[in-house]
C-alpha atoms as a PDB file:
ATOM      1  CA  UNK A   1       9.155  46.117 -28.868  1.00  0.00           C
ATOM      2  CA  UNK A   2       9.817  42.803 -28.095  1.00  0.00           C
ATOM      3  CA  UNK A   3       8.875  40.525 -30.684  1.00  0.00           C
ATOM      4  CA  UNK A   4       5.714  38.357 -29.388  1.00  0.00           C
ATOM      5  CA  UNK A   5       7.677  34.892 -29.763  1.00  0.00           C
ATOM      6  CA  UNK A   6       9.543  35.982 -26.870  1.00  0.00           C
ATOM      7  CA  UNK A   7       6.999  35.949 -24.533  1.00  0.00           C
ATOM      8  CA  UNK A   8       6.139  32.395 -25.618  1.00  0.00           C
ATOM      9  CA  UNK A   9       9.803  31.416 -25.426  1.00  0.00           C
ATOM     10  CA  UNK A  10       9.902  32.927 -21.836  1.00  0.00           C
ATOM     11  CA  UNK A  11       6.956  30.911 -20.764  1.00  0.00           C
ATOM     12  CA  UNK A  12       8.105  27.817 -22.297  1.00  0.00           C
ATOM     13  CA  UNK A  13      11.259  28.413 -20.001  1.00  0.00           C
ATOM     14  CA  UNK A  14       9.086  28.265 -16.396  1.00  0.00           C
ATOM     15  CA  UNK A  15       7.608  25.039 -17.135  1.00  0.00           C
ATOM     16  CA  UNK A  16       9.244  22.738 -14.602  1.00  0.00           C
ATOM     17  CA  UNK A  17      11.413  20.183 -16.071  1.00  0.00           C
ATOM     18  CA  UNK A  18      11.758  16.686 -15.467  1.00  0.00           C
ATOM     19  CA  UNK A  19      14.209  17.329 -12.676  1.00  0.00           C
ATOM     20  CA  UNK A  20      11.812  19.545 -11.276  1.00  0.00           C
ATOM     21  CA  UNK A  21       9.137  16.794 -11.252  1.00  0.00           C
ATOM     22  CA  UNK A  22      11.351  15.018  -9.418  1.00  0.00           C
ATOM     23  CA  UNK A  23      12.307  17.490  -7.002  1.00  0.00           C
ATOM     24  CA  UNK A  24       8.258  18.008  -6.383  1.00  0.00           C
ATOM     25  CA  UNK A  25       8.330  14.421  -5.705  1.00  0.00           C
ATOM     26  CA  UNK A  26      10.886  14.079  -3.319  1.00  0.00           C
ATOM     27  CA  UNK A  27       9.749  16.914  -1.704  1.00  0.00           C
ATOM     28  CA  UNK A  28       6.156  15.433  -1.425  1.00  0.00           C
ATOM     29  CA  UNK A  29       7.533  11.954  -0.040  1.00  0.00           C
ATOM     30  CA  UNK A  30      10.180  13.305   2.416  1.00  0.00           C
ATOM     31  CA  UNK A  31       6.767  15.637   4.054  1.00  0.00           C
ATOM     32  CA  UNK A  32       4.392  12.265   4.328  1.00  0.00           C
ATOM     33  CA  UNK A  33       7.563  10.394   5.829  1.00  0.00           C
ATOM     34  CA  UNK A  34       8.359  13.016   8.505  1.00  0.00           C
ATOM     35  CA  UNK A  35       4.970  13.564   9.999  1.00  0.00           C
ATOM     36  CA  UNK A  36       4.265  11.778  13.033  1.00  0.00           C
ATOM     37  CA  UNK A  37       1.280  10.266  12.196  1.00  0.00           C
ATOM     38  CA  UNK A  38       2.853   7.939   9.706  1.00  0.00           C
ATOM     39  CA  UNK A  39       5.833   7.368  11.828  1.00  0.00           C
ATOM     40  CA  UNK A  40       2.822   5.920  14.374  1.00  0.00           C
ATOM     41  CA  UNK A  41       1.711   4.413  11.556  1.00  0.00           C
ATOM     42  CA  UNK A  42       4.782   2.441  10.130  1.00  0.00           C
ATOM     43  CA  UNK A  43       5.554   1.408  14.148  1.00  0.00           C
ATOM     44  CA  UNK A  44       2.214  -0.105  14.704  1.00  0.00           C
ATOM     45  CA  UNK A  45       3.028  -2.267  11.405  1.00  0.00           C
ATOM     46  CA  UNK A  46       6.642  -3.529  12.496  1.00  0.00           C
ATOM     47  CA  UNK A  47       4.833  -4.448  15.784  1.00  0.00           C
ATOM     48  CA  UNK A  48       2.318  -6.941  13.864  1.00  0.00           C
ATOM     49  CA  UNK A  49       5.285  -9.402  12.873  1.00  0.00           C
ATOM     50  CA  UNK A  50       6.831  -9.075  16.097  1.00  0.00           C
ATOM     51  CA  UNK A  51       3.752 -10.090  18.717  1.00  0.00           C
ATOM     52  CA  UNK A  52       3.006 -12.757  16.208  1.00  0.00           C
ATOM     53  CA  UNK A  53       6.967 -14.310  16.709  1.00  0.00           C
ATOM     54  CA  UNK A  54       6.713 -13.985  20.569  1.00  0.00           C
ATOM     55  CA  UNK A  55       3.308 -15.494  20.183  1.00  0.00           C
ATOM     56  CA  UNK A  56       4.176 -18.466  18.226  1.00  0.00           C
ATOM     57  CA  UNK A  57       7.471 -18.593  20.342  1.00  0.00           C
ATOM     58  CA  UNK A  58       5.142 -18.991  22.893  1.00  0.00           C
ATOM     59  CA  UNK A  59       3.127 -21.190  22.215  1.00  0.00           C
ATOM     60  CA  UNK A  60       5.584 -23.699  20.466  1.00  0.00           C
ATOM     61  CA  UNK A  61       8.215 -23.982  23.168  1.00  0.00           C
ATOM     62  CA  UNK A  62       6.949 -27.030  25.072  1.00  0.00           C
ATOM     63  CA  UNK A  63       6.661 -28.954  21.374  1.00  0.00           C
ATOM     64  CA  UNK A  64       3.426 -27.623  20.365  1.00  0.00           C
ATOM     65  CA  UNK A  65       2.618 -26.034  16.939  1.00  0.00           C
ATOM     66  CA  UNK A  66       1.262 -23.392  16.190  1.00  0.00           C
ATOM     67  CA  UNK A  67      -1.505 -22.589  14.409  1.00  0.00           C
ATOM     68  CA  UNK A  68      -4.337 -24.617  12.421  1.00  0.00           C
ATOM     69  CA  UNK A  69      -2.959 -26.899   9.394  1.00  0.00           C
ATOM     70  CA  UNK A  70      -4.265 -25.674   5.557  1.00  0.00           C
ATOM     71  CA  UNK A  71      -3.866 -23.098   2.803  1.00  0.00           C
ATOM     72  CA  UNK A  72      -3.974 -19.649   3.447  1.00  0.00           C
ATOM     73  CA  UNK A  73      -3.061 -17.299   5.711  1.00  0.00           C
ATOM     74  CA  UNK A  74      -3.384 -19.684   9.054  1.00  0.00           C
ATOM     75  CA  UNK A  75      -0.688 -21.914   6.642  1.00  0.00           C
ATOM     76  CA  UNK A  76       2.149 -19.733   7.302  1.00  0.00           C
ATOM     77  CA  UNK A  77       1.944 -19.298  11.064  1.00  0.00           C
ATOM     78  CA  UNK A  78       1.570 -23.299  10.962  1.00  0.00           C
ATOM     79  CA  UNK A  79       5.265 -22.835   9.311  1.00  0.00           C
ATOM     80  CA  UNK A  80       6.965 -20.494  11.065  1.00  0.00           C
ATOM     81  CA  UNK A  81       8.270 -22.662  13.824  1.00  0.00           C
ATOM     82  CA  UNK A  82       9.899 -25.069  10.557  1.00  0.00           C
ATOM     83  CA  UNK A  83      11.275 -21.775   8.543  1.00  0.00           C
ATOM     84  CA  UNK A  84      11.349 -18.041  10.085  1.00  0.00           C
ATOM     85  CA  UNK A  85      10.730 -16.497   6.490  1.00  0.00           C
ATOM     86  CA  UNK A  86       7.050 -17.655   6.842  1.00  0.00           C
ATOM     87  CA  UNK A  87       6.726 -14.930   9.732  1.00  0.00           C
ATOM     88  CA  UNK A  88       7.142 -12.524   6.665  1.00  0.00           C
ATOM     89  CA  UNK A  89       3.957 -14.015   4.505  1.00  0.00           C
ATOM     90  CA  UNK A  90       2.009 -14.359   8.421  1.00  0.00           C
ATOM     91  CA  UNK A  91       2.694 -11.068   8.840  1.00  0.00           C
ATOM     92  CA  UNK A  92       1.683  -9.730   6.030  1.00  0.00           C
ATOM     93  CA  UNK A  93      -1.426 -12.450   5.837  1.00  0.00           C
ATOM     94  CA  UNK A  94      -2.235 -10.316   9.063  1.00  0.00           C
ATOM     95  CA  UNK A  95      -2.055  -7.066   7.948  1.00  0.00           C
ATOM     96  CA  UNK A  96      -3.275  -6.528   4.738  1.00  0.00           C
ATOM     97  CA  UNK A  97      -6.994  -6.838   5.383  1.00  0.00           C
ATOM     98  CA  UNK A  98      -6.867  -4.259   7.697  1.00  0.00           C
ATOM     99  CA  UNK A  99      -3.578  -2.629   8.760  1.00  0.00           C
ATOM    100  CA  UNK A 100      -1.650  -1.686   6.002  1.00  0.00           C
ATOM    101  CA  UNK A 101      -5.077  -0.371   3.908  1.00  0.00           C
ATOM    102  CA  UNK A 102      -5.990   1.485   6.977  1.00  0.00           C
ATOM    103  CA  UNK A 103      -2.226   2.782   6.602  1.00  0.00           C
ATOM    104  CA  UNK A 104      -2.470   3.741   3.206  1.00  0.00           C
ATOM    105  CA  UNK A 105      -6.430   5.014   3.656  1.00  0.00           C
ATOM    106  CA  UNK A 106      -4.705   7.990   6.355  1.00  0.00           C
ATOM    107  CA  UNK A 107      -1.969   8.743   3.766  1.00  0.00           C
ATOM    108  CA  UNK A 108      -4.149   9.007   0.620  1.00  0.00           C
ATOM    109  CA  UNK A 109      -7.230  10.591   2.318  1.00  0.00           C
ATOM    110  CA  UNK A 110      -4.856  13.375   3.326  1.00  0.00           C
ATOM    111  CA  UNK A 111      -2.914  14.256   0.566  1.00  0.00           C
ATOM    112  CA  UNK A 112      -5.098  17.130  -0.986  1.00  0.00           C
ATOM    113  CA  UNK A 113      -7.882  17.762   2.025  1.00  0.00           C
ATOM    114  CA  UNK A 114      -4.925  17.818   4.357  1.00  0.00           C
ATOM    115  CA  UNK A 115      -3.299  20.627   2.716  1.00  0.00           C
ATOM    116  CA  UNK A 116      -6.086  22.688   2.547  1.00  0.00           C
ATOM    117  CA  UNK A 117      -7.515  22.016   6.153  1.00  0.00           C
ATOM    118  CA  UNK A 118      -3.674  23.498   6.762  1.00  0.00           C
ATOM    119  CA  UNK A 119      -3.834  26.774   4.208  1.00  0.00           C
ATOM    120  CA  UNK A 120      -1.148  25.258   2.426  1.00  0.00           C
ATOM    121  CA  UNK A 121      -2.885  23.953  -0.831  1.00  0.00           C
ATOM    122  CA  UNK A 122      -2.903  27.462  -2.715  1.00  0.00           C
ATOM    123  CA  UNK A 123       0.654  28.465  -2.180  1.00  0.00           C
ATOM    124  CA  UNK A 124       1.739  24.807  -3.275  1.00  0.00           C
ATOM    125  CA  UNK A 125      -0.316  26.231  -6.696  1.00  0.00           C
ATOM    126  CA  UNK A 126       1.234  28.987  -7.109  1.00  0.00           C
ATOM    127  CA  UNK A 127       4.580  27.284  -8.088  1.00  0.00           C
ATOM    128  CA  UNK A 128       4.745  26.201 -11.611  1.00  0.00           C
ATOM    129  CA  UNK A 129       3.827  22.578 -11.072  1.00  0.00           C
ATOM    130  CA  UNK A 130       0.170  23.086 -12.274  1.00  0.00           C
ATOM    131  CA  UNK A 131      -2.495  20.689 -10.861  1.00  0.00           C
ATOM    132  CA  UNK A 132      -1.912  17.970 -12.479  1.00  0.00           C
ATOM    133  CA  UNK A 133       1.557  17.665 -11.726  1.00  0.00           C
ATOM    134  CA  UNK A 134       0.720  18.162  -8.421  1.00  0.00           C
ATOM    135  CA  UNK A 135      -1.521  15.390  -8.215  1.00  0.00           C
ATOM    136  CA  UNK A 136       0.765  13.078  -9.586  1.00  0.00           C
ATOM    137  CA  UNK A 137       3.145  14.177  -7.295  1.00  0.00           C
ATOM    138  CA  UNK A 138       0.904  13.618  -4.222  1.00  0.00           C
ATOM    139  CA  UNK A 139       0.310  10.110  -5.821  1.00  0.00           C
ATOM    140  CA  UNK A 140       3.340   8.628  -6.549  1.00  0.00           C
ATOM    141  CA  UNK A 141       4.669   9.426  -2.602  1.00  0.00           C
ATOM    142  CA  UNK A 142       1.414   7.545  -1.468  1.00  0.00           C
ATOM    143  CA  UNK A 143       2.415   4.635  -4.054  1.00  0.00           C
ATOM    144  CA  UNK A 144       5.771   5.114  -2.324  1.00  0.00           C
ATOM    145  CA  UNK A 145       4.509   5.005   1.048  1.00  0.00           C
ATOM    146  CA  UNK A 146       2.229   1.898   0.129  1.00  0.00           C
ATOM    147  CA  UNK A 147       5.953   0.267  -1.036  1.00  0.00           C
ATOM    148  CA  UNK A 148       7.875   1.363   2.331  1.00  0.00           C
ATOM    149  CA  UNK A 149       4.783   0.423   4.691  1.00  0.00           C
ATOM    150  CA  UNK A 150       4.928  -3.091   3.116  1.00  0.00           C
ATOM    151  CA  UNK A 151       8.971  -3.714   3.413  1.00  0.00           C
ATOM    152  CA  UNK A 152       8.598  -2.697   6.812  1.00  0.00           C
ATOM    153  CA  UNK A 153       6.057  -5.269   7.506  1.00  0.00           C
ATOM    154  CA  UNK A 154       8.703  -7.865   5.438  1.00  0.00           C
ATOM    155  CA  UNK A 155      11.604  -6.407   7.189  1.00  0.00           C
ATOM    156  CA  UNK A 156      10.123  -6.741  10.393  1.00  0.00           C
ATOM    157  CA  UNK A 157       8.810 -10.339   9.966  1.00  0.00           C
ATOM    158  CA  UNK A 158      12.592 -11.128   8.446  1.00  0.00           C
ATOM    159  CA  UNK A 159      14.376  -9.841  11.561  1.00  0.00           C
ATOM    160  CA  UNK A 160      12.144 -11.374  13.941  1.00  0.00           C
ATOM    161  CA  UNK A 161      11.894 -14.569  12.301  1.00  0.00           C
ATOM    162  CA  UNK A 162      15.618 -15.015  12.061  1.00  0.00           C
ATOM    163  CA  UNK A 163      16.265 -14.326  15.731  1.00  0.00           C
ATOM    164  CA  UNK A 164      13.104 -16.741  16.761  1.00  0.00           C
ATOM    165  CA  UNK A 165      13.275 -19.376  14.184  1.00  0.00           C
ATOM    166  CA  UNK A 166      15.625 -21.322  12.061  1.00  0.00           C
ATOM    167  CA  UNK A 167      16.317 -20.294   8.615  1.00  0.00           C
ATOM    168  CA  UNK A 168      16.963 -22.315   5.154  1.00  0.00           C
ATOM    169  CA  UNK A 169      15.659 -23.888   2.713  1.00  0.00           C
ATOM    170  CA  UNK A 170      12.037 -23.018   1.842  1.00  0.00           C
ATOM    171  CA  UNK A 171       9.186 -25.507   1.795  1.00  0.00           C
ATOM    172  CA  UNK A 172       6.434 -23.855  -0.546  1.00  0.00           C
ATOM    173  CA  UNK A 173       2.435 -24.448  -0.304  1.00  0.00           C
ATOM    174  CA  UNK A 174       3.079 -27.161  -3.058  1.00  0.00           C
ATOM    175  CA  UNK A 175       5.366 -29.307  -0.924  1.00  0.00           C
ATOM    176  CA  UNK A 176       8.679 -28.291  -2.827  1.00  0.00           C
ATOM    177  CA  UNK A 177      11.738 -27.429  -0.983  1.00  0.00           C
ATOM    178  CA  UNK A 178      13.415 -24.254  -2.849  1.00  0.00           C
ATOM    179  CA  UNK A 179      17.218 -22.475  -1.938  1.00  0.00           C
ATOM    180  CA  UNK A 180      17.004 -19.881   0.650  1.00  0.00           C
ATOM    181  CA  UNK A 181      17.820 -17.821  -1.686  1.00  0.00           C
ATOM    182  CA  UNK A 182      15.043 -18.539  -3.711  1.00  0.00           C
ATOM    183  CA  UNK A 183      13.156 -17.899  -0.940  1.00  0.00           C
ATOM    184  CA  UNK A 184      14.348 -14.553  -0.171  1.00  0.00           C
ATOM    185  CA  UNK A 185      13.200 -13.642  -3.911  1.00  0.00           C
ATOM    186  CA  UNK A 186       9.994 -14.766  -3.420  1.00  0.00           C
ATOM    187  CA  UNK A 187       9.682 -12.286   0.127  1.00  0.00           C
ATOM    188  CA  UNK A 188      10.258  -9.245  -2.389  1.00  0.00           C
ATOM    189  CA  UNK A 189       7.676 -11.286  -5.332  1.00  0.00           C
ATOM    190  CA  UNK A 190       5.605 -11.154  -2.311  1.00  0.00           C
ATOM    191  CA  UNK A 191       6.041  -7.505  -0.856  1.00  0.00           C
ATOM    192  CA  UNK A 192       6.216  -6.507  -4.270  1.00  0.00           C
ATOM    193  CA  UNK A 193       2.138  -7.743  -5.212  1.00  0.00           C
ATOM    194  CA  UNK A 194       0.922  -6.643  -1.335  1.00  0.00           C
ATOM    195  CA  UNK A 195       2.226  -3.302  -2.239  1.00  0.00           C
ATOM    196  CA  UNK A 196       0.430  -3.419  -5.849  1.00  0.00           C
ATOM    197  CA  UNK A 197      -2.616  -4.720  -4.210  1.00  0.00           C
ATOM    198  CA  UNK A 198      -2.804  -1.049  -2.353  1.00  0.00           C
ATOM    199  CA  UNK A 199      -2.425   1.085  -5.158  1.00  0.00           C
ATOM    200  CA  UNK A 200      -6.382   0.955  -5.975  1.00  0.00           C
ATOM    201  CA  UNK A 201      -7.237   2.382  -1.996  1.00  0.00           C
ATOM    202  CA  UNK A 202      -4.669   4.608  -2.757  1.00  0.00           C
ATOM    203  CA  UNK A 203      -6.088   6.101  -5.788  1.00  0.00           C
ATOM    204  CA  UNK A 204      -9.967   5.897  -4.252  1.00  0.00           C
ATOM    205  CA  UNK A 205      -8.577   7.935  -1.095  1.00  0.00           C
ATOM    206  CA  UNK A 206      -6.907  10.328  -3.568  1.00  0.00           C
ATOM    207  CA  UNK A 207     -10.177  10.039  -4.776  1.00  0.00           C
ATOM    208  CA  UNK A 208     -12.100  11.357  -1.541  1.00  0.00           C
ATOM    209  CA  UNK A 209      -9.074  13.764  -0.480  1.00  0.00           C
ATOM    210  CA  UNK A 210     -10.445  15.962  -3.513  1.00  0.00           C
ATOM    211  CA  UNK A 211     -13.923  16.166  -2.230  1.00  0.00           C
ATOM    212  CA  UNK A 212     -13.630  18.259   1.083  1.00  0.00           C
ATOM    213  CA  UNK A 213     -11.453  20.497   2.574  1.00  0.00           C
ATOM    214  CA  UNK A 214     -10.757  18.210   5.421  1.00  0.00           C
ATOM    215  CA  UNK A 215      -8.071  16.062   6.069  1.00  0.00           C
ATOM    216  CA  UNK A 216      -9.823  14.365   8.891  1.00  0.00           C
ATOM    217  CA  UNK A 217     -13.291  14.189   7.129  1.00  0.00           C
ATOM    218  CA  UNK A 218     -11.358  12.511   4.210  1.00  0.00           C
ATOM    219  CA  UNK A 219      -9.617  10.474   6.064  1.00  0.00           C
ATOM    220  CA  UNK A 220     -12.274   9.162   8.175  1.00  0.00           C
ATOM    221  CA  UNK A 221     -14.121   8.504   5.014  1.00  0.00           C
ATOM    222  CA  UNK A 222     -11.970   6.075   3.575  1.00  0.00           C
ATOM    223  CA  UNK A 223     -10.899   4.143   6.460  1.00  0.00           C
ATOM    224  CA  UNK A 224     -14.653   3.912   6.986  1.00  0.00           C
ATOM    225  CA  UNK A 225     -15.628   2.701   3.241  1.00  0.00           C
ATOM    226  CA  UNK A 226     -12.450   0.213   3.503  1.00  0.00           C
ATOM    227  CA  UNK A 227     -14.410  -1.439   6.044  1.00  0.00           C
ATOM    228  CA  UNK A 228     -17.470  -1.326   4.395  1.00  0.00           C
ATOM    229  CA  UNK A 229     -16.129  -3.087   1.559  1.00  0.00           C
ATOM    230  CA  UNK A 230     -14.207  -5.605   3.377  1.00  0.00           C
ATOM    231  CA  UNK A 231     -17.151  -6.362   5.860  1.00  0.00           C
ATOM    232  CA  UNK A 232     -19.279  -6.410   2.286  1.00  0.00           C
ATOM    233  CA  UNK A 233     -16.743  -8.912   0.396  1.00  0.00           C
ATOM    234  CA  UNK A 234     -17.211 -11.647   3.554  1.00  0.00           C
ATOM    235  CA  UNK A 235     -20.947 -12.101   2.992  1.00  0.00           C
ATOM    236  CA  UNK A 236     -21.915 -15.045   1.390  1.00  0.00           C
ATOM    237  CA  UNK A 237     -25.188 -13.561  -0.445  1.00  0.00           C
ATOM    238  CA  UNK A 238     -23.283 -10.951  -2.054  1.00  0.00           C
ATOM    239  CA  UNK A 239     -20.637 -13.588  -3.830  1.00  0.00           C
ATOM    240  CA  UNK A 240     -22.293 -11.970  -7.280  1.00  0.00           C
ATOM    241  CA  UNK A 241     -20.367  -8.624  -6.789  1.00  0.00           C
ATOM    242  CA  UNK A 242     -17.430  -9.636  -4.913  1.00  0.00           C
ATOM    243  CA  UNK A 243     -15.485 -10.029  -7.313  1.00  0.00           C
ATOM    244  CA  UNK A 244     -15.321  -6.174  -7.950  1.00  0.00           C
ATOM    245  CA  UNK A 245     -14.805  -5.272  -4.671  1.00  0.00           C
ATOM    246  CA  UNK A 246     -11.002  -4.036  -4.437  1.00  0.00           C
ATOM    247  CA  UNK A 247     -10.118  -6.481  -1.068  1.00  0.00           C
ATOM    248  CA  UNK A 248     -11.685  -9.953  -3.021  1.00  0.00           C
ATOM    249  CA  UNK A 249      -8.034 -10.808  -4.757  1.00  0.00           C
ATOM    250  CA  UNK A 250      -5.434  -9.162  -1.918  1.00  0.00           C
ATOM    251  CA  UNK A 251      -4.005 -12.722  -0.211  1.00  0.00           C
ATOM    252  CA  UNK A 252      -3.951 -14.283  -3.974  1.00  0.00           C
ATOM    253  CA  UNK A 253      -0.156 -13.258  -3.024  1.00  0.00           C
ATOM    254  CA  UNK A 254      -0.184 -16.821  -1.508  1.00  0.00           C
ATOM    255  CA  UNK A 255       0.003 -18.625  -4.778  1.00  0.00           C
ATOM    256  CA  UNK A 256       3.599 -16.680  -5.411  1.00  0.00           C
ATOM    257  CA  UNK A 257       4.509 -19.720  -2.863  1.00  0.00           C
ATOM    258  CA  UNK A 258       3.310 -22.133  -4.888  1.00  0.00           C
ATOM    259  CA  UNK A 259       5.530 -24.618  -7.270  1.00  0.00           C
ATOM    260  CA  UNK A 260       4.508 -23.336 -10.146  1.00  0.00           C
ATOM    261  CA  UNK A 261       2.875 -20.197  -9.085  1.00  0.00           C
ATOM    262  CA  UNK A 262      -0.323 -19.996  -9.609  1.00  0.00           C
ATOM    263  CA  UNK A 263      -1.409 -16.853 -11.817  1.00  0.00           C
ATOM    264  CA  UNK A 264      -4.764 -17.029 -12.179  1.00  0.00           C
ATOM    265  CA  UNK A 265      -5.837 -14.504  -9.011  1.00  0.00           C
ATOM    266  CA  UNK A 266      -2.418 -12.925  -9.103  1.00  0.00           C
ATOM    267  CA  UNK A 267      -3.318 -11.508 -12.536  1.00  0.00           C
ATOM    268  CA  UNK A 268      -7.337 -10.382 -11.411  1.00  0.00           C
ATOM    269  CA  UNK A 269      -6.050  -8.469  -9.151  1.00  0.00           C
ATOM    270  CA  UNK A 270      -3.657  -6.748 -10.694  1.00  0.00           C
ATOM    271  CA  UNK A 271      -6.296  -6.139 -13.465  1.00  0.00           C
ATOM    272  CA  UNK A 272      -8.716  -5.130 -10.561  1.00  0.00           C
ATOM    273  CA  UNK A 273      -6.430  -2.697  -8.984  1.00  0.00           C
ATOM    274  CA  UNK A 274      -5.579  -1.313 -12.569  1.00  0.00           C
ATOM    275  CA  UNK A 275      -9.123  -0.479 -13.623  1.00  0.00           C
ATOM    276  CA  UNK A 276      -9.700   1.413  -9.658  1.00  0.00           C
ATOM    277  CA  UNK A 277      -6.543   3.263 -10.154  1.00  0.00           C
ATOM    278  CA  UNK A 278      -7.702   4.359 -13.842  1.00  0.00           C
ATOM    279  CA  UNK A 279     -11.344   5.426 -12.120  1.00  0.00           C
ATOM    280  CA  UNK A 280     -10.801   6.786  -9.094  1.00  0.00           C
ATOM    281  CA  UNK A 281      -7.627   8.191 -10.703  1.00  0.00           C
ATOM    282  CA  UNK A 282      -9.383   9.669 -13.160  1.00  0.00           C
ATOM    283  CA  UNK A 283     -12.295  11.301 -11.118  1.00  0.00           C
ATOM    284  CA  UNK A 284      -9.414  12.434  -8.661  1.00  0.00           C
ATOM    285  CA  UNK A 285      -8.036  14.498 -11.662  1.00  0.00           C
ATOM    286  CA  UNK A 286     -11.437  15.620 -13.090  1.00  0.00           C
ATOM    287  CA  UNK A 287     -12.147  16.965  -9.688  1.00  0.00           C
ATOM    288  CA  UNK A 288      -8.940  18.470  -8.524  1.00  0.00           C
ATOM    289  CA  UNK A 289      -8.526  20.431 -12.044  1.00  0.00           C
ATOM    290  CA  UNK A 290     -12.370  21.477 -11.488  1.00  0.00           C
ATOM    291  CA  UNK A 291     -11.887  22.731  -7.872  1.00  0.00           C
ATOM    292  CA  UNK A 292     -12.079  25.978  -6.744  1.00  0.00           C
ATOM    293  CA  UNK A 293      -8.918  26.273  -3.903  1.00  0.00           C
ATOM    294  CA  UNK A 294      -9.833  28.592  -1.622  1.00  0.00           C
ATOM    295  CA  UNK A 295      -6.839  28.052   0.948  1.00  0.00           C
END
C-alpha cells in the first residue's frame, strides 16, 4: 500500500504552476481578440480619430479654426491643426465617455456568461485551474483588452494626425512648450491613464457576467448600467453622489497635459477605480465560487 503522503504529493504535483497560469491567461486573451465581435469593436474605435481628423481638415482647409477655445475635450480639437498629436487626445476624449467603456462592457459582460451560454464553462472548470484562477484570467484578459482598445485609438489618432497635420513641439494646456519626444511620452501616459480609468467598468461587467447564463443579457445589462450612470453624472441636482460614480473623473487625463501636472483628480480617479475593482471584483469572486455550474 502506498504511503498516505504520496497522494498528497500527487495532488500537489497536479496543481497548476505559474507557467500554466500564464498559458491560461494567454489562451483567454487570444480567444477574446480573435472574436469577430472584438475585431469589429476595435475597428469602430480606430475609425473615430479618423473621422475627427478628416472633419477638422475639411473645416480648416480655408484657414478657419476648428472647435471652440477653452479647456477640456473641445480644446484638443482646436489644437489639432497646430499639432497632430492633439488628435490622439481628441480621439480619446471622444471615445472615453461612450465607445471605449461600451467595448469593455461587452467583453467583460461576455466573459463568464458567454462561456455558460455556449456550454463551455463547465469544461473549463474540469481543467486544474480552479474557479478563482479562471476568474482572475478572465479579468486579466479584460484588462489587457482595456489597454489594447486604448492603444488602438491612440495609434489611429497618431497616424492620422501625422498624415493630415504638422507634428513638432507640443504646447501644453498650460501654454508651456515641450519637445516632441516628451509629447510622445505624454501620449503614452494619457493612454495609460485612460486604460486604468476603465478597470472599474471591467470589474463591474465581470460581476454582472457571473449573475446570468446569457452572454447577451450580461452585455446588455452592463452597457445599460453604463449609460444610466453617465446620465446620472450629468444631472446637477445629483452633485452629492457624482464623485462616487466611476466615470466622474475619466477626463482628468487632460491634467497630464499641463506643466506642472495636476495630480489631484488623477489620483481621485485611480482611487475610485481601485474601489470599484475591490468591491465588484470581490462580489464576482464570491458569486462565481459559489455558483452552481450546470453548463
